[in-house]
C-alpha atoms as a PDB file:
ATOM      1  CA  MET A   1      -9.655   8.845   5.629  1.00  0.00           C
ATOM      2  CA  GLY A   2     -11.062  12.280   6.423  1.00  0.00           C
ATOM      3  CA  GLN A   3      -8.246  12.973   8.858  1.00  0.00           C
ATOM      4  CA  ILE A   4      -5.544  11.909   6.395  1.00  0.00           C
ATOM      5  CA  GLY A   5      -7.134  14.000   3.658  1.00  0.00           C
ATOM      6  CA  TYR A   6      -7.315  17.042   5.910  1.00  0.00           C
ATOM      7  CA  VAL A   7      -3.685  16.778   7.036  1.00  0.00           C
ATOM      8  CA  LEU A   8      -2.391  16.336   3.478  1.00  0.00           C
ATOM      9  CA  ALA A   9      -4.581  19.148   2.156  1.00  0.00           C
ATOM     10  CA  GLN A  10      -3.309  21.492   4.851  1.00  0.00           C
ATOM     11  CA  ALA A  11       0.331  20.608   4.239  1.00  0.00           C
ATOM     12  CA  LEU A  12       0.058  20.928   0.452  1.00  0.00           C
ATOM     13  CA  SER A  13      -1.835  24.191   0.763  1.00  0.00           C
ATOM     14  CA  SER A  14       1.161  25.683   2.555  1.00  0.00           C
ATOM     15  CA  GLN A  15       3.123  24.962  -0.636  1.00  0.00           C
ATOM     16  CA  GLY A  16       0.557  26.600  -2.900  1.00  0.00           C
ATOM     17  CA  CYS A  17      -1.139  23.381  -4.048  1.00  0.00           C
ATOM     18  CA  THR A  18      -4.940  23.323  -4.179  1.00  0.00           C
ATOM     19  CA  THR A  19      -6.371  19.912  -3.300  1.00  0.00           C
ATOM     20  CA  ALA A  20      -9.699  18.066  -3.198  1.00  0.00           C
ATOM     21  CA  PRO A  21      -9.762  15.355  -0.511  1.00  0.00           C
ATOM     22  CA  LEU A  22     -12.373  12.708  -1.348  1.00  0.00           C
ATOM     23  CA  ILE A  23     -14.123  10.076   0.750  1.00  0.00           C
ATOM     24  CA  CYS A  24     -13.907   6.883  -1.318  1.00  0.00           C
ATOM     25  CA  GLN A  25     -16.036   3.756  -0.997  1.00  0.00           C
ATOM     26  CA  VAL A  26     -14.330   0.587  -2.192  1.00  0.00           C
ATOM     27  CA  VAL A  27     -16.321  -2.550  -2.969  1.00  0.00           C
ATOM     28  CA  VAL A  28     -15.030  -5.875  -1.619  1.00  0.00           C
ATOM     29  CA  ASP A  29     -16.323  -9.436  -1.788  1.00  0.00           C
ATOM     30  CA  PRO A  30     -17.671 -10.440   1.660  1.00  0.00           C
ATOM     31  CA  GLN A  31     -17.198 -14.099   0.657  1.00  0.00           C
ATOM     32  CA  HIS A  32     -13.476 -13.672   0.019  1.00  0.00           C
ATOM     33  CA  GLU A  33     -11.205 -16.065   1.902  1.00  0.00           C
ATOM     34  CA  ALA A  34      -9.774 -13.123   3.875  1.00  0.00           C
ATOM     35  CA  PHE A  35     -12.960 -13.128   5.959  1.00  0.00           C
ATOM     36  CA  ARG A  36     -12.302 -16.699   7.081  1.00  0.00           C
ATOM     37  CA  ASP A  37      -8.979 -15.793   8.675  1.00  0.00           C
ATOM     38  CA  PRO A  38      -8.814 -12.105   9.702  1.00  0.00           C
ATOM     39  CA  SER A  39      -5.217 -10.924   9.848  1.00  0.00           C
ATOM     40  CA  LYS A  40      -5.091  -7.112   9.885  1.00  0.00           C
ATOM     41  CA  PHE A  41      -4.344  -5.656  13.346  1.00  0.00           C
ATOM     42  CA  VAL A  42      -6.445  -2.614  14.265  1.00  0.00           C
ATOM     43  CA  GLY A  43      -6.947  -0.537  17.387  1.00  0.00           C
ATOM     44  CA  PRO A  44      -5.158  -0.546  20.753  1.00  0.00           C
ATOM     45  CA  ILE A  45      -3.532  -3.384  22.672  1.00  0.00           C
ATOM     46  CA  TYR A  46      -5.351  -5.329  25.401  1.00  0.00           C
ATOM     47  CA  GLY A  47      -4.437  -7.689  28.189  1.00  0.00           C
ATOM     48  CA  ALA A  48      -5.535 -11.329  27.949  1.00  0.00           C
ATOM     49  CA  LYS A  49      -8.604 -10.953  30.212  1.00  0.00           C
ATOM     50  CA  GLU A  50      -9.820  -7.785  28.504  1.00  0.00           C
ATOM     51  CA  ALA A  51      -9.273  -9.305  25.060  1.00  0.00           C
ATOM     52  CA  THR A  52     -11.325 -12.366  26.011  1.00  0.00           C
ATOM     53  CA  ALA A  53     -14.133 -10.193  27.373  1.00  0.00           C
ATOM     54  CA  LEU A  54     -14.261  -8.080  24.205  1.00  0.00           C
ATOM     55  CA  SER A  55     -14.231 -11.176  22.034  1.00  0.00           C
ATOM     56  CA  GLN A  56     -17.184 -12.647  23.928  1.00  0.00           C
ATOM     57  CA  SER A  57     -19.226  -9.441  24.192  1.00  0.00           C
ATOM     58  CA  LEU A  58     -18.602  -7.934  20.755  1.00  0.00           C
ATOM     59  CA  GLY A  59     -17.662 -10.953  18.674  1.00  0.00           C
ATOM     60  CA  TRP A  60     -14.253  -9.512  17.839  1.00  0.00           C
ATOM     61  CA  VAL A  61     -11.453 -11.790  16.672  1.00  0.00           C
ATOM     62  CA  MET A  62      -8.416 -11.199  18.864  1.00  0.00           C
ATOM     63  CA  LYS A  63      -4.862 -12.368  18.173  1.00  0.00           C
ATOM     64  CA  PRO A  64      -1.616 -12.017  20.112  1.00  0.00           C
ATOM     65  CA  ASP A  65       0.590  -9.087  19.163  1.00  0.00           C
ATOM     66  CA  GLY A  66       3.767  -9.540  21.159  1.00  0.00           C
ATOM     67  CA  GLU A  67       2.871  -9.933  24.832  1.00  0.00           C
ATOM     68  CA  TYR A  68      -0.554  -8.299  24.354  1.00  0.00           C
ATOM     69  CA  PHE A  69      -3.609  -8.843  22.179  1.00  0.00           C
ATOM     70  CA  ARG A  70      -5.213  -6.759  19.450  1.00  0.00           C
ATOM     71  CA  ARG A  71      -8.300  -7.009  17.323  1.00  0.00           C
ATOM     72  CA  VAL A  72      -7.848  -8.373  13.802  1.00  0.00           C
ATOM     73  CA  VAL A  73     -10.145  -7.790  10.832  1.00  0.00           C
ATOM     74  CA  PRO A  74     -10.182  -9.133   7.255  1.00  0.00           C
ATOM     75  CA  SER A  75      -8.088  -7.439   4.572  1.00  0.00           C
ATOM     76  CA  PRO A  76      -9.822  -8.315   1.275  1.00  0.00           C
ATOM     77  CA  PRO A  77      -8.629  -7.024  -2.109  1.00  0.00           C
ATOM     78  CA  PRO A  78     -10.377  -4.011  -3.668  1.00  0.00           C
ATOM     79  CA  GLN A  79     -12.835  -4.796  -6.475  1.00  0.00           C
ATOM     80  CA  GLU A  80     -14.294  -1.390  -7.361  1.00  0.00           C
ATOM     81  CA  ILE A  81     -13.448   2.182  -6.411  1.00  0.00           C
ATOM     82  CA  LEU A  82     -16.829   3.873  -6.583  1.00  0.00           C
ATOM     83  CA  GLN A  83     -15.540   7.445  -6.810  1.00  0.00           C
ATOM     84  CA  VAL A  84     -13.114   6.757  -9.667  1.00  0.00           C
ATOM     85  CA  ASP A  85     -15.226   8.697 -12.189  1.00  0.00           C
ATOM     86  CA  ALA A  86     -15.200  11.750  -9.929  1.00  0.00           C
ATOM     87  CA  ILE A  87     -11.420  11.492  -9.576  1.00  0.00           C
ATOM     88  CA  ARG A  88     -10.998  11.115 -13.334  1.00  0.00           C
ATOM     89  CA  THR A  89     -13.207  14.149 -13.980  1.00  0.00           C
ATOM     90  CA  LEU A  90     -11.157  16.288 -11.608  1.00  0.00           C
ATOM     91  CA  LEU A  91      -7.931  15.250 -13.298  1.00  0.00           C
ATOM     92  CA  GLU A  92      -9.258  15.879 -16.797  1.00  0.00           C
ATOM     93  CA  GLU A  93     -11.242  19.070 -16.200  1.00  0.00           C
ATOM     94  CA  SER A  94      -9.207  20.716 -13.421  1.00  0.00           C
ATOM     95  CA  PRO A  95      -5.537  19.786 -13.977  1.00  0.00           C
ATOM     96  CA  ASP A  96      -4.388  22.357 -11.403  1.00  0.00           C
ATOM     97  CA  LEU A  97      -6.462  20.669  -8.695  1.00  0.00           C
ATOM     98  CA  LEU A  98      -4.910  17.668  -6.934  1.00  0.00           C
ATOM     99  CA  PRO A  99      -7.351  14.943  -5.806  1.00  0.00           C
ATOM    100  CA  ILE A 100      -6.517  13.121  -2.578  1.00  0.00           C
ATOM    101  CA  ALA A 101      -8.189   9.718  -2.702  1.00  0.00           C
ATOM    102  CA  CYS A 102      -8.326   6.218  -1.232  1.00  0.00           C
ATOM    103  CA  GLY A 103      -6.668   7.214   2.046  1.00  0.00           C
ATOM    104  CA  GLY A 104      -6.086   4.197   4.254  1.00  0.00           C
ATOM    105  CA  GLY A 105      -7.306   1.901   1.468  1.00  0.00           C
ATOM    106  CA  GLY A 106     -10.783   3.384   1.208  1.00  0.00           C
ATOM    107  CA  ILE A 107     -13.994   2.589   3.083  1.00  0.00           C
ATOM    108  CA  PRO A 108     -14.868  -1.097   2.502  1.00  0.00           C
ATOM    109  CA  VAL A 109     -18.434  -1.767   1.368  1.00  0.00           C
ATOM    110  CA  SER A 110     -20.230  -4.683  -0.254  1.00  0.00           C
ATOM    111  CA  ARG A 111     -23.219  -4.972  -2.558  1.00  0.00           C
ATOM    112  CA  ILE A 112     -26.379  -6.662  -1.274  1.00  0.00           C
ATOM    113  CA  PRO A 113     -26.908  -9.704  -3.567  1.00  0.00           C
ATOM    114  CA  SER A 114     -30.669  -9.201  -3.843  1.00  0.00           C
ATOM    115  CA  ASN A 115     -30.175  -5.535  -4.805  1.00  0.00           C
ATOM    116  CA  PRO A 116     -26.632  -4.877  -6.093  1.00  0.00           C
ATOM    117  CA  ARG A 117     -27.209  -1.118  -6.228  1.00  0.00           C
ATOM    118  CA  THR A 118     -27.543  -1.071  -2.439  1.00  0.00           C
ATOM    119  CA  LEU A 119     -24.324  -0.883  -0.444  1.00  0.00           C
ATOM    120  CA  GLN A 120     -23.561  -1.824   3.118  1.00  0.00           C
ATOM    121  CA  GLY A 121     -20.480  -1.228   5.235  1.00  0.00           C
ATOM    122  CA  VAL A 122     -18.044  -4.049   5.923  1.00  0.00           C
ATOM    123  CA  GLU A 123     -15.791  -4.347   8.974  1.00  0.00           C
ATOM    124  CA  ALA A 124     -12.471  -4.764   7.220  1.00  0.00           C
ATOM    125  CA  VAL A 125      -9.342  -2.850   6.224  1.00  0.00           C
ATOM    126  CA  ILE A 126      -8.301  -2.717   2.584  1.00  0.00           C
ATOM    127  CA  ASP A 127      -4.559  -2.587   2.004  1.00  0.00           C
ATOM    128  CA  LYS A 128      -3.755   0.999   0.983  1.00  0.00           C
ATOM    129  CA  ASP A 129      -1.043  -0.004  -1.477  1.00  0.00           C
ATOM    130  CA  ALA A 130      -3.348  -2.453  -3.263  1.00  0.00           C
ATOM    131  CA  CYS A 131      -6.067   0.190  -3.449  1.00  0.00           C
ATOM    132  CA  GLY A 132      -3.587   2.726  -4.801  1.00  0.00           C
ATOM    133  CA  ALA A 133      -2.417   0.305  -7.488  1.00  0.00           C
ATOM    134  CA  LYS A 134      -5.992  -0.354  -8.575  1.00  0.00           C
ATOM    135  CA  LEU A 135      -6.751   3.380  -8.690  1.00  0.00           C
ATOM    136  CA  ALA A 136      -3.613   4.009 -10.771  1.00  0.00           C
ATOM    137  CA  ASN A 137      -4.666   1.272 -13.220  1.00  0.00           C
ATOM    138  CA  GLU A 138      -8.236   2.602 -13.381  1.00  0.00           C
ATOM    139  CA  LEU A 139      -6.872   6.063 -14.235  1.00  0.00           C
ATOM    140  CA  ASP A 140      -4.527   4.592 -16.863  1.00  0.00           C
ATOM    141  CA  ALA A 141      -1.543   6.173 -15.127  1.00  0.00           C
ATOM    142  CA  ASP A 142       1.972   5.993 -16.564  1.00  0.00           C
ATOM    143  CA  GLY A 143       3.501   5.276 -13.167  1.00  0.00           C
ATOM    144  CA  TYR A 144       2.681   4.467  -9.559  1.00  0.00           C
ATOM    145  CA  ILE A 145       4.882   5.661  -6.681  1.00  0.00           C
ATOM    146  CA  ILE A 146       4.843   4.141  -3.194  1.00  0.00           C
ATOM    147  CA  LEU A 147       6.629   6.237  -0.583  1.00  0.00           C
ATOM    148  CA  THR A 148       8.137   4.594   2.516  1.00  0.00           C
ATOM    149  CA  ASP A 149      10.235   5.584   5.525  1.00  0.00           C
ATOM    150  CA  GLY A 150      13.211   3.478   4.493  1.00  0.00           C
ATOM    151  CA  GLY A 151      14.074   3.455   0.805  1.00  0.00           C
ATOM    152  CA  GLY A 152      13.401   0.924  -1.925  1.00  0.00           C
ATOM    153  CA  ILE A 153      13.540  -2.879  -2.059  1.00  0.00           C
ATOM    154  CA  TRP A 154      16.551  -4.406  -0.341  1.00  0.00           C
ATOM    155  CA  GLN A 155      18.110  -7.820  -0.201  1.00  0.00           C
ATOM    156  CA  ASN A 156      19.434  -8.795   3.244  1.00  0.00           C
ATOM    157  CA  PHE A 157      18.456  -5.443   4.718  1.00  0.00           C
ATOM    158  CA  GLY A 158      20.463  -4.408   7.785  1.00  0.00           C
ATOM    159  CA  LYS A 159      23.212  -6.961   7.139  1.00  0.00           C
ATOM    160  CA  PRO A 160      26.783  -6.404   5.929  1.00  0.00           C
ATOM    161  CA  ASN A 161      25.950  -7.926   2.525  1.00  0.00           C
ATOM    162  CA  ALA A 162      22.790  -5.842   2.039  1.00  0.00           C
ATOM    163  CA  ARG A 163      22.124  -4.301  -1.344  1.00  0.00           C
ATOM    164  CA  GLU A 164      19.289  -2.293  -2.827  1.00  0.00           C
ATOM    165  CA  MET A 165      17.600  -3.027  -6.126  1.00  0.00           C
ATOM    166  CA  LYS A 166      17.824  -0.149  -8.589  1.00  0.00           C
ATOM    167  CA  MET A 167      15.444  -1.820 -11.039  1.00  0.00           C
ATOM    168  CA  ALA A 168      13.578  -5.127 -10.959  1.00  0.00           C
ATOM    169  CA  SER A 169      11.026  -6.905 -13.105  1.00  0.00           C
ATOM    170  CA  PRO A 170       7.765  -8.312 -11.733  1.00  0.00           C
ATOM    171  CA  GLU A 171       8.931 -11.784 -12.721  1.00  0.00           C
ATOM    172  CA  TYR A 172      12.140 -11.436 -10.710  1.00  0.00           C
ATOM    173  CA  LEU A 173      10.333 -10.173  -7.619  1.00  0.00           C
ATOM    174  CA  LEU A 174       7.785 -12.983  -7.805  1.00  0.00           C
ATOM    175  CA  GLY A 175      10.440 -15.609  -8.471  1.00  0.00           C
ATOM    176  CA  THR A 176      12.571 -14.550  -5.504  1.00  0.00           C
ATOM    177  CA  LYS A 177       9.525 -14.004  -3.250  1.00  0.00           C
ATOM    178  CA  ALA A 178      10.733 -10.514  -2.393  1.00  0.00           C
ATOM    179  CA  GLY A 179       8.973  -9.169   0.676  1.00  0.00           C
ATOM    180  CA  LYS A 180       7.930 -12.596   1.969  1.00  0.00           C
ATOM    181  CA  ASN A 181       9.625 -11.949   5.314  1.00  0.00           C
ATOM    182  CA  PHE A 182       7.618  -8.764   5.832  1.00  0.00           C
ATOM    183  CA  PRO A 183       3.969  -9.617   5.049  1.00  0.00           C
ATOM    184  CA  GLY A 184       2.612  -6.742   7.112  1.00  0.00           C
ATOM    185  CA  SER A 185       4.691  -3.951   5.652  1.00  0.00           C
ATOM    186  CA  MET A 186       7.016  -4.196   2.628  1.00  0.00           C
ATOM    187  CA  GLY A 187       5.376  -7.330   1.218  1.00  0.00           C
ATOM    188  CA  PRO A 188       2.110  -5.578   0.237  1.00  0.00           C
ATOM    189  CA  LYS A 189       4.032  -2.657  -1.286  1.00  0.00           C
ATOM    190  CA  ILE A 190       6.031  -4.952  -3.539  1.00  0.00           C
ATOM    191  CA  GLN A 191       2.886  -6.874  -4.527  1.00  0.00           C
ATOM    192  CA  ALA A 192       1.074  -3.603  -5.305  1.00  0.00           C
ATOM    193  CA  ALA A 193       3.928  -2.472  -7.539  1.00  0.00           C
ATOM    194  CA  ILE A 194       3.843  -5.817  -9.342  1.00  0.00           C
ATOM    195  CA  ASP A 195       0.066  -5.655  -9.753  1.00  0.00           C
ATOM    196  CA  PHE A 196       0.160  -2.157 -11.220  1.00  0.00           C
ATOM    197  CA  VAL A 197       2.842  -2.991 -13.785  1.00  0.00           C
ATOM    198  CA  THR A 198       1.362  -6.330 -14.857  1.00  0.00           C
ATOM    199  CA  ASN A 199      -2.203  -4.982 -15.082  1.00  0.00           C
ATOM    200  CA  SER A 200      -1.326  -1.739 -16.847  1.00  0.00           C
ATOM    201  CA  LYS A 201      -2.334  -1.162 -20.460  1.00  0.00           C
ATOM    202  CA  ARG A 202       0.241   1.604 -20.845  1.00  0.00           C
ATOM    203  CA  PRO A 203       3.454   0.742 -22.738  1.00  0.00           C
ATOM    204  CA  GLY A 204       6.432   1.124 -20.428  1.00  0.00           C
ATOM    205  CA  ALA A 205       4.337   1.387 -17.261  1.00  0.00           C
ATOM    206  CA  TRP A 206       6.458   1.530 -14.120  1.00  0.00           C
ATOM    207  CA  ALA A 207       6.128   1.551 -10.350  1.00  0.00           C
ATOM    208  CA  ALA A 208       8.598   3.016  -7.876  1.00  0.00           C
ATOM    209  CA  ILE A 209       9.214   2.328  -4.199  1.00  0.00           C
ATOM    210  CA  GLY A 210      11.366   4.731  -2.246  1.00  0.00           C
ATOM    211  CA  ASP A 211      11.806   6.998   0.748  1.00  0.00           C
ATOM    212  CA  LEU A 212       9.508  10.003   1.164  1.00  0.00           C
ATOM    213  CA  LYS A 213      12.500  12.357   1.365  1.00  0.00           C
ATOM    214  CA  ASP A 214      13.746  11.025  -1.994  1.00  0.00           C
ATOM    215  CA  ALA A 215      10.433  11.452  -3.831  1.00  0.00           C
ATOM    216  CA  GLY A 216      11.827  13.856  -6.420  1.00  0.00           C
ATOM    217  CA  LYS A 217      14.690  11.486  -7.262  1.00  0.00           C
ATOM    218  CA  LEU A 218      12.508   8.445  -7.900  1.00  0.00           C
ATOM    219  CA  PHE A 219      11.518   9.643 -11.376  1.00  0.00           C
ATOM    220  CA  SER A 220      15.143   9.574 -12.546  1.00  0.00           C
ATOM    221  CA  ASN A 221      15.868   6.374 -10.584  1.00  0.00           C
ATOM    222  CA  GLU A 222      18.605   8.149  -8.616  1.00  0.00           C
ATOM    223  CA  GLU A 223      17.045   6.672  -5.486  1.00  0.00           C
ATOM    224  CA  GLY A 224      14.643   3.851  -4.650  1.00  0.00           C
ATOM    225  CA  THR A 225      13.604   0.907  -6.801  1.00  0.00           C
ATOM    226  CA  ILE A 226      11.857   1.004 -10.181  1.00  0.00           C
ATOM    227  CA  VAL A 227       9.656  -1.982 -11.049  1.00  0.00           C
ATOM    228  CA  LYS A 228       9.010  -2.481 -14.756  1.00  0.00           C
ATOM    229  CA  GLU A 229       8.982  -5.095 -17.479  1.00  0.00           C
ATOM    230  CA  ASP A 230      12.048  -5.895 -19.590  1.00  0.00           C
ATOM    231  CA  VAL A 231      14.742  -5.395 -16.964  1.00  0.00           C
ATOM    232  CA  GLU A 232      17.960  -7.036 -18.136  1.00  0.00           C
ATOM    233  CA  GLU A 233      18.533 -10.267 -16.176  1.00  0.00           C
ATOM    234  CA  GLY A 234      15.513  -9.346 -14.064  1.00  0.00           C
ATOM    235  CA  VAL A 235      17.313  -7.030 -11.651  1.00  0.00           C
ATOM    236  CA  VAL A 236      19.862  -4.210 -11.578  1.00  0.00           C
ATOM    237  CA  TRP A 237      21.581  -3.609  -8.241  1.00  0.00           C
ATOM    238  CA  ARG A 238      22.406  -0.155  -6.937  1.00  0.00           C
ATOM    239  CA  GLU A 239      26.125   0.335  -6.367  1.00  0.00           C
ATOM    240  CA  SER A 240      27.725   1.049  -2.983  1.00  0.00           C
ATOM    241  CA  THR A 241      24.634   0.548  -0.826  1.00  0.00           C
ATOM    242  CA  ALA A 242      25.624  -2.377   1.404  1.00  0.00           C
ATOM    243  CA  SER A 243      27.329  -0.322   4.096  1.00  0.00           C
ATOM    244  CA  ALA A 244      24.524   2.240   4.047  1.00  0.00           C
ATOM    245  CA  ALA A 245      21.927  -0.461   4.628  1.00  0.00           C
ATOM    246  CA  ALA A 246      23.922  -2.048   7.421  1.00  0.00           C
ATOM    247  CA  ASP A 247      24.278   1.295   9.199  1.00  0.00           C
ATOM    248  CA  LYS A 248      20.788   2.625   8.455  1.00  0.00           C
ATOM    249  CA  PRO A 249      18.649   2.793  11.634  1.00  0.00           C
ATOM    250  CA  LYS A 250      15.139   1.409  11.629  1.00  0.00           C
ATOM    251  CA  GLN A 251      12.680   4.307  11.510  1.00  0.00           C
ATOM    252  CA  SER A 252       9.694   2.338  12.754  1.00  0.00           C
ATOM    253  CA  LYS A 253       9.144  -0.664  14.963  1.00  0.00           C
ATOM    254  CA  ASP A 254       7.721  -2.640  12.019  1.00  0.00           C
ATOM    255  CA  GLN A 255      10.286  -4.202   9.728  1.00  0.00           C
ATOM    256  CA  HIS A 256       9.577  -3.169   6.196  1.00  0.00           C
ATOM    257  CA  LYS A 257      12.280  -4.361   3.817  1.00  0.00           C
ATOM    258  CA  SER A 258      12.230  -7.142   1.266  1.00  0.00           C
ATOM    259  CA  GLY A 259      14.101  -9.763   3.285  1.00  0.00           C
END
């Protein structure tokens, strides 16, 4: 989180933007079902013998990742963002200062049952998109933007009949199980967008998913996908995108579209 904050602060500073990177602790429930079946890959790859040795000596849970093995840890949902008041104060009292918060999903901690004011670290990874959605709701934001390396939400991505959603409602995305084929990448982003919109108390709250290079065009819906309530027929498709999706190269080894 410190590294991400530093890199972003440095980059934004070169554009004249003053920032305040924050280290954020995020409370999770250590009894959540995610701890019974760790699923989040972390760290380097190992051969079978080395993975077995690490599992026995350190108690790590190892799972196959292609032909190698990697450590997996739980990915529980965020319950509390402990620095939210500090972030809110910065936004209200210093509007020219940009807080950078919840990098990587925040630092997972839990409360000790016998003394809830006492915190202890938890070996887990909180999904960054879920943490961002919760922070946006806590701050009563009008909108929540998730930037990717490959555009908005697509149907049949990479195929001749591919098409991108221009707008979609949470109900449509849930009903069509958008992102189900990509649980480690696009799936959590779609779920985070849904969570923000459905949990927001702001009239007309919206979430957007789109490519980093198109960030400025997401507000006008020229690019990417807007998620909001009251979308006619549940979805509006972007015109003339099928050929672009079929020809678009993958920009990372992890698939990240809606399926």
